[in-house]
Protein backbone atom coordinates (compact mmCIF):
# COMPACT_ATOMS: atom_id res chain seq x y z
CA MET A 1 77.53 62.88 84.32
CA ALA A 2 74.99 64.59 82.15
CA HIS A 3 72.33 62.59 80.38
CA THR A 4 70.89 63.72 77.13
CA ALA A 5 67.29 63.07 76.27
CA ASN A 6 66.38 61.61 72.89
CA ALA A 7 62.95 62.01 71.31
CA ALA A 8 61.41 60.84 68.04
CA SER A 9 58.10 61.09 66.27
CA GLY A 10 56.13 58.01 65.23
CA GLY A 11 53.52 57.63 62.52
CA ALA A 12 50.29 55.70 62.29
CA ALA A 13 48.08 54.81 59.31
CA VAL A 14 44.96 52.85 58.50
CA THR A 15 42.88 52.13 55.43
CA ILE A 16 39.18 51.62 56.02
CA LEU A 17 37.67 49.33 53.37
CA ARG A 18 34.16 49.44 52.03
CA SER A 19 32.13 46.41 53.14
CA LEU A 20 32.35 43.52 50.74
CA SER A 21 29.09 42.12 49.41
CA ALA A 22 28.13 39.51 46.84
CA THR A 23 24.71 39.28 45.25
CA GLN A 24 23.61 36.41 43.02
CA GLU A 25 22.07 37.85 39.85
CA GLU A 26 21.66 34.55 37.95
CA SER A 27 21.48 30.89 38.98
CA LEU A 28 23.47 28.14 37.29
CA ASP A 29 21.09 26.62 34.73
CA PHE A 30 21.89 23.67 32.46
CA GLY A 31 18.77 24.30 30.36
CA ARG A 32 16.87 21.28 29.06
CA ILE A 33 18.70 18.07 28.21
CA LEU A 34 17.58 15.09 26.16
CA PRO A 35 19.75 12.10 27.19
CA ALA A 36 20.94 9.60 24.61
CA ALA A 37 21.41 5.82 24.76
CA GLN A 38 24.93 6.42 26.08
CA ASP A 39 26.26 8.60 28.88
CA GLY A 40 27.19 12.17 28.04
CA ILE A 41 28.74 15.22 29.63
CA VAL A 42 27.05 18.61 29.80
CA THR A 43 29.22 21.66 30.46
CA VAL A 44 28.08 25.22 31.10
CA ARG A 45 31.25 27.32 30.96
CA PRO A 46 31.65 30.43 33.11
CA ASP A 47 31.81 32.48 29.88
CA GLY A 48 28.28 31.33 28.98
CA GLY A 49 29.03 28.61 26.43
CA ILE A 50 27.27 25.26 26.70
CA GLU A 51 28.49 21.92 25.35
CA CYS A 52 26.89 18.48 25.19
CA SER A 53 29.06 15.46 24.42
CA GLY A 54 27.86 12.18 22.98
CA ALA A 55 24.53 11.94 21.18
CA MET A 56 22.63 13.81 23.89
CA LEU A 57 20.97 17.10 22.98
CA CYS A 58 21.14 20.38 24.86
CA LEU A 59 17.86 22.20 24.27
CA GLY A 60 17.25 25.75 25.39
CA ASP A 61 19.79 28.12 26.83
CA GLY A 62 21.98 27.13 29.72
CA LYS A 63 23.71 29.87 31.66
CA PRO A 64 26.31 30.18 34.39
CA ALA A 65 25.56 31.58 37.83
CA LEU A 66 26.51 35.23 38.09
CA PHE A 67 27.48 37.02 41.29
CA ARG A 68 27.96 40.79 41.47
CA LEU A 69 30.67 41.89 43.90
CA THR A 70 30.94 45.29 45.51
CA GLY A 71 33.69 46.48 47.79
CA ALA A 72 37.24 47.76 47.71
CA ASP A 73 39.73 47.08 44.91
CA VAL A 74 41.90 44.71 46.91
CA PRO A 75 42.57 40.99 46.42
CA LEU A 76 39.90 38.50 47.39
CA ALA A 77 39.95 34.84 48.24
CA VAL A 78 37.10 32.83 46.76
CA SER A 79 35.97 29.60 48.35
CA ILE A 80 33.41 27.41 46.58
CA ASP A 81 32.08 23.90 47.07
CA PRO A 82 33.81 21.79 44.40
CA VAL A 83 30.78 19.56 43.81
CA VAL A 84 27.05 19.99 44.30
CA ALA A 85 24.38 17.28 44.24
CA MET A 86 21.22 18.18 42.37
CA VAL A 87 18.25 16.12 43.52
CA GLY A 88 15.39 15.20 41.21
CA PRO A 89 12.43 12.83 41.09
CA ASP A 90 12.45 9.94 43.58
CA THR A 91 15.69 11.34 45.09
CA ALA A 92 17.62 10.74 41.85
CA ARG A 93 20.89 12.70 41.92
CA LEU A 94 23.06 14.44 39.40
CA MET A 95 26.54 15.43 40.62
CA VAL A 96 27.80 18.77 39.29
CA THR A 97 31.46 19.81 39.36
CA LEU A 98 31.47 23.59 39.76
CA LEU A 99 33.65 25.69 37.44
CA PRO A 100 34.40 29.15 38.87
CA SER A 101 35.43 31.95 36.49
CA GLY A 102 38.46 32.85 38.52
CA PRO A 103 41.12 31.31 40.69
CA VAL A 104 40.80 31.01 44.43
CA ALA A 105 42.38 34.46 44.74
CA MET A 106 41.29 37.33 42.56
CA ALA A 107 41.53 41.11 42.58
CA SER A 108 39.31 44.12 41.85
CA PRO A 109 35.98 43.24 43.40
CA ALA A 110 34.41 46.69 43.02
CA GLY A 111 31.49 46.09 40.67
CA SER A 112 33.10 42.94 39.28
CA PRO A 113 31.05 39.97 38.09
CA PHE A 114 32.06 36.47 39.15
CA ALA A 115 30.60 33.57 37.18
CA VAL A 116 30.23 29.92 38.11
CA GLY A 117 29.66 27.24 35.50
CA GLY A 118 29.38 23.52 35.96
CA GLN A 119 29.87 20.13 34.40
CA MET A 120 27.88 16.93 34.94
CA ILE A 121 27.53 13.44 33.55
CA VAL A 122 24.04 12.51 32.42
CA THR A 123 23.54 8.77 32.07
CA ALA A 124 21.13 7.13 29.67
CA GLY A 125 19.06 5.98 32.66
CA THR A 126 18.75 9.38 34.33
CA PRO A 127 15.08 9.78 35.32
CA PRO A 128 13.30 12.67 33.59
CA GLY A 129 12.22 15.62 35.72
CA SER A 130 13.51 18.78 37.33
CA TYR A 131 16.68 18.71 39.43
CA ALA A 132 17.89 21.37 41.88
CA GLY A 133 20.68 21.85 44.39
CA GLN A 134 22.47 24.44 46.50
CA TYR A 135 26.17 25.22 46.92
CA ASN A 136 28.23 27.52 49.09
CA ILE A 137 30.47 30.27 47.82
CA SER A 138 32.26 32.90 49.84
CA PHE A 139 34.36 35.95 49.02
CA GLU A 140 36.81 37.33 51.55
CA TYR A 141 39.27 40.20 51.61
CA GLN A 142 42.93 39.16 51.78
């Protein structure tokens, strides 16, 4: 019995992506705040707007954090700490809820900005002084 041989060609492909990088160009800054006799909420929106509720005053310009992304135009996953503690005088703390400008998955990182705003409650008894904190944010190809 004769056997016939069968042959086929196969293909292969790959896409090499440009390395993804994120550089912080601006830090999240709530500006200067003058608390009132009652608690208030300060919000710095990712689009740059700032709002103070209650009788408290927002003085000076607050601004969102701004990250510049470089890489390939493919979807990204963004992971960010939801809350950051800012520590001030005598270990006083202000808790900030972070407000990212995009969802946890976004597209088109090449040259794209990604902004992070925040919202915090300032009580009437918040000690005066400077407060600072750090948070983690990561961008990853999907």
